[in-house]
Amino acid sequence: MKFDMGFALAVLVVLMAFVIFASSSLQPNYRLTNKANNKSVNISMEIADNDLSRMRGLMFRSKVIPILFVFGYTGLFPIHSHYCPGEFDAVYLSQDGKVVELFRKIPVGLDRIEPTKPASFLLELPPDVTDAIKIKVGDELSWKDLKK
């Protein structure tokens, strides 16, 4: 059986289109809480819990939206900011939701944002969400599905 690169590319484009258009909602679906100061905000947040959604992140979107990356294990997870719609914050979290590292107002076009502390989750947030609940290193965050 011969590998058809054109077919593989077409399948990838269809999958990306599905992720782009079918995975976002406009209604708030999560309550993000900073347990250190008891501040909360209801947001429309995507969960990136598979390779395709983690690979896409904020790329090719019309605006910065909250995304929670679920890695499934603890490690160092560098990111970049190419093809992102604007500046964003990267909040690295431990397995229990503690902020272990925070990168504020990451500009578009950086080749590599390199965390130095192991994390299990990454929240990519619009800076105004970070400001609203006053996130800082050491805080404990939680997220609750509003539809459950």
N, C-alpha and C. Protein backbone atom coordinates (compact mmCIF):
# COMPACT_ATOMS: atom_id res chain seq x y z
N MET A 1 0.84 -1.18 0.00
CA MET A 1 0.00 0.00 0.00
C MET A 1 0.88 1.24 0.00
N LYS A 2 0.64 2.14 -0.91
CA LYS A 2 1.43 3.35 -1.05
C LYS A 2 0.82 4.47 -0.20
N PHE A 3 1.67 5.20 0.51
CA PHE A 3 1.22 6.32 1.34
C PHE A 3 0.91 7.52 0.45
N ASP A 4 -0.29 8.07 0.59
CA ASP A 4 -0.71 9.21 -0.22
C ASP A 4 -0.65 10.47 0.64
N MET A 5 0.39 11.29 0.44
CA MET A 5 0.59 12.51 1.22
C MET A 5 -0.57 13.49 1.05
N GLY A 6 -1.11 13.59 -0.17
CA GLY A 6 -2.24 14.48 -0.43
C GLY A 6 -3.46 14.11 0.40
N PHE A 7 -3.74 12.81 0.47
CA PHE A 7 -4.88 12.34 1.26
C PHE A 7 -4.66 12.63 2.75
N ALA A 8 -3.45 12.37 3.23
CA ALA A 8 -3.14 12.62 4.64
C ALA A 8 -3.29 14.10 4.97
N LEU A 9 -2.85 14.97 4.07
CA LEU A 9 -2.98 16.41 4.29
C LEU A 9 -4.45 16.83 4.30
N ALA A 10 -5.24 16.26 3.41
CA ALA A 10 -6.68 16.57 3.37
C ALA A 10 -7.36 16.16 4.67
N VAL A 11 -7.00 14.99 5.18
CA VAL A 11 -7.57 14.52 6.44
C VAL A 11 -7.18 15.47 7.59
N LEU A 12 -5.93 15.89 7.61
CA LEU A 12 -5.47 16.83 8.63
C LEU A 12 -6.23 18.15 8.56
N VAL A 13 -6.45 18.66 7.37
CA VAL A 13 -7.19 19.92 7.20
C VAL A 13 -8.63 19.77 7.71
N VAL A 14 -9.27 18.67 7.39
CA VAL A 14 -10.63 18.43 7.86
C VAL A 14 -10.67 18.34 9.38
N LEU A 15 -9.71 17.65 9.98
CA LEU A 15 -9.66 17.54 11.44
C LEU A 15 -9.43 18.91 12.08
N MET A 16 -8.54 19.70 11.53
CA MET A 16 -8.28 21.04 12.06
C MET A 16 -9.53 21.91 11.94
N ALA A 17 -10.24 21.82 10.83
CA ALA A 17 -11.47 22.60 10.66
C ALA A 17 -12.49 22.20 11.71
N PHE A 18 -12.60 20.91 11.99
CA PHE A 18 -13.52 20.45 13.03
C PHE A 18 -13.15 21.05 14.38
N VAL A 19 -11.88 21.00 14.72
CA VAL A 19 -11.42 21.55 15.99
C VAL A 19 -11.68 23.05 16.05
N ILE A 20 -11.41 23.75 14.96
CA ILE A 20 -11.57 25.20 14.93
C ILE A 20 -13.03 25.60 15.10
N PHE A 21 -13.92 24.98 14.36
CA PHE A 21 -15.30 25.44 14.33
C PHE A 21 -16.25 24.72 15.29
N ALA A 22 -15.91 23.53 15.70
CA ALA A 22 -16.86 22.76 16.51
C ALA A 22 -16.53 22.74 17.98
N SER A 23 -15.35 23.20 18.38
CA SER A 23 -14.96 22.98 19.76
C SER A 23 -15.16 24.19 20.67
N SER A 24 -15.52 25.33 20.13
CA SER A 24 -15.66 26.50 21.00
C SER A 24 -17.12 26.85 21.22
N SER A 25 -17.39 27.40 22.38
CA SER A 25 -18.74 27.86 22.69
C SER A 25 -18.64 29.28 23.20
N LEU A 26 -19.72 30.04 23.04
CA LEU A 26 -19.72 31.43 23.46
C LEU A 26 -20.21 31.60 24.89
N GLN A 27 -20.97 30.65 25.39
CA GLN A 27 -21.50 30.74 26.74
C GLN A 27 -20.45 30.30 27.76
N PRO A 28 -20.38 31.00 28.91
CA PRO A 28 -19.46 30.53 29.96
C PRO A 28 -19.78 29.08 30.33
N ASN A 29 -18.75 28.26 30.39
CA ASN A 29 -18.96 26.86 30.73
C ASN A 29 -18.12 26.41 31.93
N TYR A 30 -17.24 27.29 32.43
CA TYR A 30 -16.43 26.96 33.61
C TYR A 30 -16.37 28.15 34.55
N ARG A 31 -16.26 27.84 35.82
CA ARG A 31 -16.01 28.85 36.84
C ARG A 31 -14.57 28.65 37.29
N LEU A 32 -13.71 29.64 37.02
CA LEU A 32 -12.31 29.61 37.41
C LEU A 32 -12.17 30.38 38.71
N THR A 33 -11.61 29.73 39.73
CA THR A 33 -11.52 30.33 41.07
C THR A 33 -10.07 30.34 41.54
N ASN A 34 -9.67 31.48 42.07
CA ASN A 34 -8.39 31.60 42.75
C ASN A 34 -8.68 31.40 44.23
N LYS A 35 -8.32 30.24 44.76
CA LYS A 35 -8.62 29.91 46.15
C LYS A 35 -7.83 30.75 47.14
N ALA A 36 -6.73 31.36 46.71
CA ALA A 36 -5.91 32.18 47.60
C ALA A 36 -6.62 33.47 48.01
N ASN A 37 -7.46 34.00 47.11
CA ASN A 37 -8.15 35.26 47.43
C ASN A 37 -9.66 35.16 47.24
N ASN A 38 -10.15 33.96 46.91
CA ASN A 38 -11.57 33.68 46.74
C ASN A 38 -12.21 34.48 45.60
N LYS A 39 -11.43 34.87 44.61
CA LYS A 39 -11.97 35.57 43.45
C LYS A 39 -12.27 34.54 42.36
N SER A 40 -13.41 34.73 41.68
CA SER A 40 -13.84 33.80 40.65
C SER A 40 -14.32 34.56 39.42
N VAL A 41 -14.31 33.85 38.30
CA VAL A 41 -14.84 34.40 37.05
C VAL A 41 -15.45 33.24 36.26
N ASN A 42 -16.61 33.48 35.64
CA ASN A 42 -17.21 32.50 34.74
C ASN A 42 -16.68 32.78 33.34
N ILE A 43 -16.12 31.75 32.71
CA ILE A 43 -15.50 31.91 31.41
C ILE A 43 -15.90 30.77 30.48
N SER A 44 -15.76 31.02 29.20
CA SER A 44 -15.90 29.98 28.19
C SER A 44 -14.50 29.44 27.94
N MET A 45 -14.23 28.25 28.46
CA MET A 45 -12.88 27.68 28.41
C MET A 45 -12.89 26.36 27.65
N GLU A 46 -11.93 26.22 26.75
CA GLU A 46 -11.76 24.95 26.06
C GLU A 46 -10.80 24.07 26.85
N ILE A 47 -11.01 22.78 26.75
CA ILE A 47 -10.12 21.80 27.37
C ILE A 47 -9.32 21.14 26.26
N ALA A 48 -8.00 21.27 26.33
CA ALA A 48 -7.11 20.66 25.35
C ALA A 48 -6.52 19.40 25.99
N ASP A 49 -7.18 18.28 25.75
CA ASP A 49 -6.77 17.04 26.41
C ASP A 49 -6.37 15.94 25.42
N ASN A 50 -6.10 16.34 24.18
CA ASN A 50 -5.58 15.38 23.20
C ASN A 50 -4.50 16.08 22.37
N ASP A 51 -3.73 15.29 21.65
CA ASP A 51 -2.58 15.85 20.92
C ASP A 51 -2.98 16.95 19.94
N LEU A 52 -4.07 16.75 19.21
CA LEU A 52 -4.47 17.73 18.21
C LEU A 52 -4.87 19.06 18.85
N SER A 53 -5.68 19.01 19.89
CA SER A 53 -6.10 20.26 20.53
C SER A 53 -4.96 20.94 21.26
N ARG A 54 -4.05 20.16 21.84
CA ARG A 54 -2.87 20.77 22.49
C ARG A 54 -1.93 21.38 21.46
N MET A 55 -1.79 20.72 20.31
CA MET A 55 -0.92 21.23 19.27
C MET A 55 -1.46 22.56 18.72
N ARG A 56 -2.75 22.69 18.60
CA ARG A 56 -3.34 23.90 18.06
C ARG A 56 -3.27 25.06 19.04
N GLY A 57 -3.66 24.83 20.29
CA GLY A 57 -3.64 25.89 21.28
C GLY A 57 -4.35 27.13 20.80
N LEU A 58 -3.69 28.26 20.84
CA LEU A 58 -4.29 29.53 20.42
C LEU A 58 -4.03 29.86 18.94
N MET A 59 -3.31 29.00 18.25
CA MET A 59 -2.96 29.31 16.86
C MET A 59 -4.21 29.42 15.97
N PHE A 60 -4.16 30.38 15.07
CA PHE A 60 -5.16 30.58 14.02
C PHE A 60 -6.55 30.93 14.55
N ARG A 61 -6.61 31.50 15.72
CA ARG A 61 -7.90 31.93 16.28
C ARG A 61 -8.08 33.42 16.04
N SER A 62 -9.33 33.86 16.12
CA SER A 62 -9.60 35.29 15.89
C SER A 62 -9.36 36.12 17.15
N LYS A 63 -9.36 35.47 18.31
CA LYS A 63 -9.08 36.18 19.56
C LYS A 63 -8.51 35.19 20.58
N VAL A 64 -7.90 35.73 21.63
CA VAL A 64 -7.35 34.89 22.70
C VAL A 64 -8.52 34.41 23.56
N ILE A 65 -8.59 33.11 23.74
CA ILE A 65 -9.63 32.51 24.58
C ILE A 65 -8.96 31.67 25.67
N PRO A 66 -9.65 31.45 26.79
CA PRO A 66 -9.09 30.57 27.82
C PRO A 66 -9.03 29.12 27.34
N ILE A 67 -7.87 28.50 27.53
CA ILE A 67 -7.69 27.08 27.19
C ILE A 67 -6.95 26.42 28.35
N LEU A 68 -7.48 25.29 28.81
CA LEU A 68 -6.81 24.48 29.82
C LEU A 68 -6.19 23.27 29.12
N PHE A 69 -4.85 23.20 29.18
CA PHE A 69 -4.12 22.06 28.62
C PHE A 69 -3.97 21.01 29.70
N VAL A 70 -4.45 19.80 29.42
CA VAL A 70 -4.34 18.67 30.34
C VAL A 70 -3.29 17.74 29.74
N PHE A 71 -2.16 17.60 30.42
CA PHE A 71 -1.06 16.82 29.86
C PHE A 71 -1.08 15.35 30.24
N GLY A 72 -1.70 14.99 31.34
CA GLY A 72 -1.76 13.59 31.74
C GLY A 72 -0.56 13.13 32.55
N TYR A 73 0.44 13.95 32.67
CA TYR A 73 1.61 13.66 33.49
C TYR A 73 2.31 14.98 33.80
N THR A 74 3.22 14.95 34.75
CA THR A 74 3.96 16.14 35.16
C THR A 74 5.25 16.23 34.35
N GLY A 75 5.54 17.42 33.84
CA GLY A 75 6.75 17.62 33.05
C GLY A 75 6.96 19.09 32.74
N LEU A 76 7.95 19.36 31.88
CA LEU A 76 8.21 20.70 31.39
C LEU A 76 7.60 20.80 29.99
N PHE A 77 6.72 21.77 29.79
CA PHE A 77 5.98 21.89 28.54
C PHE A 77 6.19 23.27 27.92
N PRO A 78 7.25 23.42 27.09
CA PRO A 78 7.48 24.71 26.44
C PRO A 78 6.40 24.99 25.40
N ILE A 79 6.18 26.27 25.15
CA ILE A 79 5.19 26.70 24.16
C ILE A 79 5.84 27.76 23.27
N HIS A 80 5.12 28.18 22.23
CA HIS A 80 5.53 29.30 21.39
C HIS A 80 4.30 30.19 21.20
N SER A 81 4.49 31.34 20.58
CA SER A 81 3.34 32.23 20.36
C SER A 81 3.19 32.63 18.90
N HIS A 82 3.67 31.78 17.98
CA HIS A 82 3.47 32.05 16.56
C HIS A 82 2.01 31.82 16.19
N TYR A 83 1.48 32.65 15.32
CA TYR A 83 0.13 32.53 14.77
C TYR A 83 -0.96 32.70 15.83
N CYS A 84 -0.62 33.29 16.98
CA CYS A 84 -1.62 33.57 18.01
C CYS A 84 -2.26 34.93 17.72
N PRO A 85 -3.50 35.14 18.16
CA PRO A 85 -4.21 36.38 17.80
C PRO A 85 -3.82 37.60 18.62
N GLY A 86 -3.08 37.42 19.68
CA GLY A 86 -2.69 38.55 20.52
C GLY A 86 -1.93 38.05 21.73
N GLU A 87 -1.54 38.99 22.60
CA GLU A 87 -0.79 38.58 23.78
C GLU A 87 -1.68 37.78 24.73
N PHE A 88 -1.04 36.89 25.49
CA PHE A 88 -1.77 36.03 26.42
C PHE A 88 -0.88 35.71 27.60
N ASP A 89 -1.49 35.18 28.65
CA ASP A 89 -0.78 34.73 29.83
C ASP A 89 -0.72 33.20 29.83
N ALA A 90 0.41 32.66 30.29
CA ALA A 90 0.58 31.21 30.44
C ALA A 90 0.76 30.91 31.92
N VAL A 91 -0.20 30.16 32.47
CA VAL A 91 -0.21 29.83 33.89
C VAL A 91 0.02 28.33 34.01
N TYR A 92 1.20 27.95 34.49
CA TYR A 92 1.53 26.53 34.68
C TYR A 92 1.10 26.10 36.07
N LEU A 93 0.42 24.95 36.13
CA LEU A 93 -0.17 24.46 37.38
C LEU A 93 0.30 23.06 37.72
N SER A 94 0.45 22.81 39.02
CA SER A 94 0.76 21.47 39.50
C SER A 94 -0.50 20.59 39.42
N GLN A 95 -0.34 19.32 39.75
CA GLN A 95 -1.46 18.38 39.72
C GLN A 95 -2.60 18.83 40.63
N ASP A 96 -2.27 19.51 41.74
CA ASP A 96 -3.31 19.96 42.68
C ASP A 96 -3.77 21.40 42.42
N GLY A 97 -3.38 21.98 41.28
CA GLY A 97 -3.88 23.30 40.90
C GLY A 97 -3.06 24.48 41.40
N LYS A 98 -1.91 24.22 41.98
CA LYS A 98 -1.06 25.31 42.47
C LYS A 98 -0.28 25.93 41.30
N VAL A 99 -0.27 27.27 41.26
CA VAL A 99 0.46 27.99 40.22
C VAL A 99 1.95 27.85 40.50
N VAL A 100 2.67 27.15 39.60
CA VAL A 100 4.10 26.94 39.78
C VAL A 100 4.93 27.91 38.95
N GLU A 101 4.33 28.44 37.89
CA GLU A 101 5.05 29.40 37.05
C GLU A 101 4.02 30.21 36.26
N LEU A 102 4.33 31.49 36.05
CA LEU A 102 3.40 32.40 35.39
C LEU A 102 4.18 33.29 34.42
N PHE A 103 3.76 33.28 33.17
CA PHE A 103 4.34 34.15 32.15
C PHE A 103 3.24 35.13 31.74
N ARG A 104 3.48 36.42 31.96
CA ARG A 104 2.47 37.45 31.68
C ARG A 104 2.68 38.11 30.33
N LYS A 105 1.56 38.37 29.68
CA LYS A 105 1.51 39.16 28.44
C LYS A 105 2.56 38.73 27.42
N ILE A 106 2.50 37.46 27.06
CA ILE A 106 3.40 36.89 26.07
C ILE A 106 3.05 37.49 24.70
N PRO A 107 4.00 38.13 24.05
CA PRO A 107 3.70 38.74 22.75
C PRO A 107 3.64 37.69 21.64
N VAL A 108 2.98 38.05 20.56
CA VAL A 108 2.90 37.18 19.39
C VAL A 108 4.30 37.04 18.77
N GLY A 109 4.62 35.83 18.32
CA GLY A 109 5.83 35.61 17.54
C GLY A 109 7.04 35.09 18.27
N LEU A 110 6.92 34.75 19.55
CA LEU A 110 8.07 34.19 20.27
C LEU A 110 8.28 32.73 19.86
N ASP A 111 9.54 32.38 19.65
CA ASP A 111 9.87 31.01 19.25
C ASP A 111 9.68 30.01 20.39
N ARG A 112 9.98 30.41 21.62
CA ARG A 112 9.92 29.45 22.71
C ARG A 112 9.75 30.16 24.05
N ILE A 113 8.76 29.70 24.80
CA ILE A 113 8.56 30.12 26.18
C ILE A 113 8.88 28.87 26.99
N GLU A 114 9.94 28.93 27.76
CA GLU A 114 10.52 27.75 28.39
C GLU A 114 10.27 27.75 29.90
N PRO A 115 9.33 26.92 30.38
CA PRO A 115 9.14 26.84 31.83
C PRO A 115 10.33 26.14 32.49
N THR A 116 10.55 26.46 33.74
CA THR A 116 11.64 25.83 34.49
C THR A 116 11.13 24.93 35.61
N LYS A 117 9.83 24.97 35.87
CA LYS A 117 9.24 24.16 36.93
C LYS A 117 8.28 23.15 36.32
N PRO A 118 8.30 21.91 36.79
CA PRO A 118 7.37 20.90 36.27
C PRO A 118 5.92 21.27 36.55
N ALA A 119 5.05 20.92 35.62
CA ALA A 119 3.62 21.20 35.74
C ALA A 119 2.81 20.05 35.15
N SER A 120 1.54 19.98 35.54
CA SER A 120 0.61 18.98 34.99
C SER A 120 -0.43 19.62 34.09
N PHE A 121 -0.64 20.94 34.26
CA PHE A 121 -1.64 21.67 33.49
C PHE A 121 -1.04 23.00 33.04
N LEU A 122 -1.61 23.55 31.98
CA LEU A 122 -1.27 24.89 31.53
C LEU A 122 -2.57 25.60 31.20
N LEU A 123 -2.75 26.78 31.77
CA LEU A 123 -3.87 27.64 31.41
C LEU A 123 -3.34 28.75 30.52
N GLU A 124 -3.84 28.86 29.31
CA GLU A 124 -3.56 30.03 28.48
C GLU A 124 -4.77 30.93 28.62
N LEU A 125 -4.52 32.15 29.07
CA LEU A 125 -5.61 33.07 29.41
C LEU A 125 -5.41 34.44 28.78
N PRO A 126 -6.53 35.11 28.45
CA PRO A 126 -6.42 36.53 28.14
C PRO A 126 -5.92 37.25 29.40
N PRO A 127 -5.04 38.22 29.28
CA PRO A 127 -4.51 38.90 30.47
C PRO A 127 -5.58 39.49 31.39
N ASP A 128 -6.73 39.89 30.83
CA ASP A 128 -7.77 40.45 31.70
C ASP A 128 -8.38 39.41 32.63
N VAL A 129 -8.36 38.14 32.25
CA VAL A 129 -8.86 37.09 33.16
C VAL A 129 -7.87 36.90 34.31
N THR A 130 -6.58 36.88 33.98
CA THR A 130 -5.55 36.77 35.02
C THR A 130 -5.67 37.94 36.00
N ASP A 131 -5.87 39.14 35.46
CA ASP A 131 -6.02 40.33 36.30
C ASP A 131 -7.28 40.26 37.16
N ALA A 132 -8.38 39.76 36.59
CA ALA A 132 -9.67 39.75 37.29
C ALA A 132 -9.62 38.93 38.58
N ILE A 133 -8.88 37.81 38.55
CA ILE A 133 -8.84 36.98 39.77
C ILE A 133 -7.46 37.03 40.42
N LYS A 134 -6.63 37.96 39.94
CA LYS A 134 -5.34 38.29 40.56
C LYS A 134 -4.45 37.06 40.78
N ILE A 135 -4.20 36.33 39.69
CA ILE A 135 -3.38 35.12 39.76
C ILE A 135 -1.91 35.48 39.96
N LYS A 136 -1.27 34.77 40.89
CA LYS A 136 0.18 34.91 41.07
C LYS A 136 0.76 33.54 41.44
N VAL A 137 2.07 33.42 41.33
CA VAL A 137 2.75 32.16 41.66
C VAL A 137 2.47 31.82 43.12
N GLY A 138 2.13 30.55 43.37
CA GLY A 138 1.83 30.08 44.72
C GLY A 138 0.34 29.96 44.98
N ASP A 139 -0.49 30.66 44.20
CA ASP A 139 -1.94 30.56 44.38
C ASP A 139 -2.43 29.18 43.96
N GLU A 140 -3.55 28.77 44.51
CA GLU A 140 -4.20 27.53 44.09
C GLU A 140 -5.45 27.88 43.30
N LEU A 141 -5.56 27.33 42.09
CA LEU A 141 -6.71 27.58 41.23
C LEU A 141 -7.56 26.33 41.13
N SER A 142 -8.85 26.54 40.90
CA SER A 142 -9.75 25.42 40.62
C SER A 142 -10.67 25.83 39.48
N TRP A 143 -11.20 24.85 38.78
CA TRP A 143 -12.14 25.10 37.70
C TRP A 143 -13.28 24.12 37.85
N LYS A 144 -14.49 24.64 37.71
CA LYS A 144 -15.70 23.82 37.88
C LYS A 144 -16.54 23.93 36.60
N ASP A 145 -16.93 22.79 36.10
CA ASP A 145 -17.80 22.73 34.92
C ASP A 145 -19.19 23.22 35.31
N LEU A 146 -19.66 24.29 34.72
CA LEU A 146 -20.96 24.86 35.06
C LEU A 146 -22.13 24.04 34.51
N LYS A 147 -21.85 23.13 33.61
CA LYS A 147 -22.91 22.32 32.99
C LYS A 147 -23.17 21.04 33.75
N LYS A 148 -22.40 20.79 34.80
CA LYS A 148 -22.59 19.56 35.58
C LYS A 148 -23.17 19.87 36.94
